[in-house]
Amino acid sequence: MTTDKIDFIEPSPGGEVPLPEVALRLHPQDHVAIARTNLQPGTILILENNESGARSRVQTRRVIPSGHQVALSERAPGQELR
């Protein structure tokens, strides 16, 4: 058995990226999104406009593998997640 090529999921481009390009937020009020690609540490996710029309940003602290959840805001231990 030989393996000539193993395809891995491409990592996020890094820097600032709009959330919908790299993750899926199921509901606008959800505190998490599901990574569509491997998110690299330091990637800045640009979130949709909030109530005031401003865009907020979240920076990843570590690698988030594709299919895993990424928090979109600071949460205290035990605080509810949606």
C-alpha atoms as a PDB file:
ATOM      1  CA  MET A   1       0.000   0.000   0.000  1.00  0.00           C
ATOM      2  CA  THR A   2       1.417   3.351  -1.003  1.00  0.00           C
ATOM      3  CA  THR A   3       0.238   6.834  -0.325  1.00  0.00           C
ATOM      4  CA  ASP A   4       1.473   9.314  -2.882  1.00  0.00           C
ATOM      5  CA  LYS A   5      -0.488  12.234  -1.600  1.00  0.00           C
ATOM      6  CA  ILE A   6      -2.395  13.049   1.544  1.00  0.00           C
ATOM      7  CA  ASP A   7      -4.779  15.968   1.279  1.00  0.00           C
ATOM      8  CA  PHE A   8      -5.042  18.098   4.353  1.00  0.00           C
ATOM      9  CA  ILE A   9      -7.506  20.893   4.944  1.00  0.00           C
ATOM     10  CA  GLU A  10      -5.854  24.173   4.086  1.00  0.00           C
ATOM     11  CA  PRO A  11      -5.269  26.471   7.036  1.00  0.00           C
ATOM     12  CA  SER A  12      -6.876  29.869   7.267  1.00  0.00           C
ATOM     13  CA  PRO A  13      -4.952  32.614   5.493  1.00  0.00           C
ATOM     14  CA  GLY A  14      -4.130  34.333   8.782  1.00  0.00           C
ATOM     15  CA  GLY A  15      -4.409  38.032   9.406  1.00  0.00           C
ATOM     16  CA  GLU A  16      -7.924  39.474   9.339  1.00  0.00           C
ATOM     17  CA  VAL A  17     -10.652  37.432   7.672  1.00  0.00           C
ATOM     18  CA  PRO A  18     -14.446  37.823   7.622  1.00  0.00           C
ATOM     19  CA  LEU A  19     -16.028  35.148   9.823  1.00  0.00           C
ATOM     20  CA  PRO A  20     -18.251  33.679   7.028  1.00  0.00           C
ATOM     21  CA  GLU A  21     -15.147  32.875   4.946  1.00  0.00           C
ATOM     22  CA  VAL A  22     -13.675  30.548   7.569  1.00  0.00           C
ATOM     23  CA  ALA A  23     -16.469  29.588   9.990  1.00  0.00           C
ATOM     24  CA  LEU A  24     -20.202  28.943  10.170  1.00  0.00           C
ATOM     25  CA  ARG A  25     -22.301  30.775  12.760  1.00  0.00           C
ATOM     26  CA  LEU A  26     -25.659  28.991  12.877  1.00  0.00           C
ATOM     27  CA  HIS A  27     -27.593  31.814  14.539  1.00  0.00           C
ATOM     28  CA  PRO A  28     -26.674  35.504  14.919  1.00  0.00           C
ATOM     29  CA  GLN A  29     -27.010  35.254  18.720  1.00  0.00           C
ATOM     30  CA  ASP A  30     -24.716  32.195  19.018  1.00  0.00           C
ATOM     31  CA  HIS A  31     -21.565  32.635  21.083  1.00  0.00           C
ATOM     32  CA  VAL A  32     -19.662  30.088  18.957  1.00  0.00           C
ATOM     33  CA  ALA A  33     -19.087  29.272  15.298  1.00  0.00           C
ATOM     34  CA  ILE A  34     -17.892  26.073  13.618  1.00  0.00           C
ATOM     35  CA  ALA A  35     -14.538  26.339  11.851  1.00  0.00           C
ATOM     36  CA  ARG A  36     -14.738  25.509   8.116  1.00  0.00           C
ATOM     37  CA  THR A  37     -10.949  25.345   7.911  1.00  0.00           C
ATOM     38  CA  ASN A  38      -8.051  25.032  10.321  1.00  0.00           C
ATOM     39  CA  LEU A  39      -7.762  28.398  12.060  1.00  0.00           C
ATOM     40  CA  GLN A  40      -4.213  29.420  12.882  1.00  0.00           C
ATOM     41  CA  PRO A  41      -3.213  31.156  16.131  1.00  0.00           C
ATOM     42  CA  GLY A  42      -3.518  34.913  15.783  1.00  0.00           C
ATOM     43  CA  THR A  43      -6.171  34.806  13.057  1.00  0.00           C
ATOM     44  CA  ILE A  44      -8.499  37.778  13.518  1.00  0.00           C
ATOM     45  CA  LEU A  45     -12.124  36.965  12.761  1.00  0.00           C
ATOM     46  CA  ILE A  46     -14.159  39.952  11.650  1.00  0.00           C
ATOM     47  CA  LEU A  47     -17.705  39.495  12.941  1.00  0.00           C
ATOM     48  CA  GLU A  48     -20.860  40.862  11.372  1.00  0.00           C
ATOM     49  CA  ASN A  49     -22.058  44.333  12.306  1.00  0.00           C
ATOM     50  CA  ASN A  50     -23.490  44.587  15.807  1.00  0.00           C
ATOM     51  CA  GLU A  51     -26.514  46.658  16.887  1.00  0.00           C
ATOM     52  CA  SER A  52     -24.569  49.916  16.629  1.00  0.00           C
ATOM     53  CA  GLY A  53     -23.298  49.070  13.144  1.00  0.00           C
ATOM     54  CA  ALA A  54     -19.718  48.514  14.311  1.00  0.00           C
ATOM     55  CA  ARG A  55     -17.809  45.372  13.401  1.00  0.00           C
ATOM     56  CA  SER A  56     -16.182  43.503  16.230  1.00  0.00           C
ATOM     57  CA  ARG A  57     -13.121  41.289  15.988  1.00  0.00           C
ATOM     58  CA  VAL A  58     -11.988  38.135  17.762  1.00  0.00           C
ATOM     59  CA  GLN A  59      -8.436  36.804  17.694  1.00  0.00           C
ATOM     60  CA  THR A  60      -7.754  33.075  17.966  1.00  0.00           C
ATOM     61  CA  ARG A  61      -5.264  32.051  20.642  1.00  0.00           C
ATOM     62  CA  ARG A  62      -4.434  28.571  19.383  1.00  0.00           C
ATOM     63  CA  VAL A  63      -5.033  26.281  16.408  1.00  0.00           C
ATOM     64  CA  ILE A  64      -8.728  25.489  15.969  1.00  0.00           C
ATOM     65  CA  PRO A  65      -9.166  22.434  13.748  1.00  0.00           C
ATOM     66  CA  SER A  66     -11.813  22.387  11.053  1.00  0.00           C
ATOM     67  CA  GLY A  67     -15.142  21.194  12.461  1.00  0.00           C
ATOM     68  CA  HIS A  68     -14.390  22.443  15.970  1.00  0.00           C
ATOM     69  CA  GLN A  69     -16.087  25.368  17.663  1.00  0.00           C
ATOM     70  CA  VAL A  70     -14.504  28.766  18.129  1.00  0.00           C
ATOM     71  CA  ALA A  71     -15.761  31.164  20.799  1.00  0.00           C
ATOM     72  CA  LEU A  72     -16.798  34.552  19.441  1.00  0.00           C
ATOM     73  CA  SER A  73     -16.644  36.377  22.776  1.00  0.00           C
ATOM     74  CA  GLU A  74     -15.061  35.999  26.190  1.00  0.00           C
ATOM     75  CA  ARG A  75     -17.031  33.590  28.368  1.00  0.00           C
ATOM     76  CA  ALA A  76     -16.618  33.005  32.096  1.00  0.00           C
ATOM     77  CA  PRO A  77     -16.240  29.400  33.287  1.00  0.00           C
ATOM     78  CA  GLY A  78     -19.708  27.878  33.565  1.00  0.00           C
ATOM     79  CA  GLN A  79     -21.347  30.698  31.599  1.00  0.00           C
ATOM     80  CA  GLU A  80     -23.978  29.575  29.092  1.00  0.00           C
ATOM     81  CA  LEU A  81     -22.928  28.992  25.485  1.00  0.00           C
ATOM     82  CA  ARG A  82     -25.213  28.983  22.469  1.00  0.00           C
END
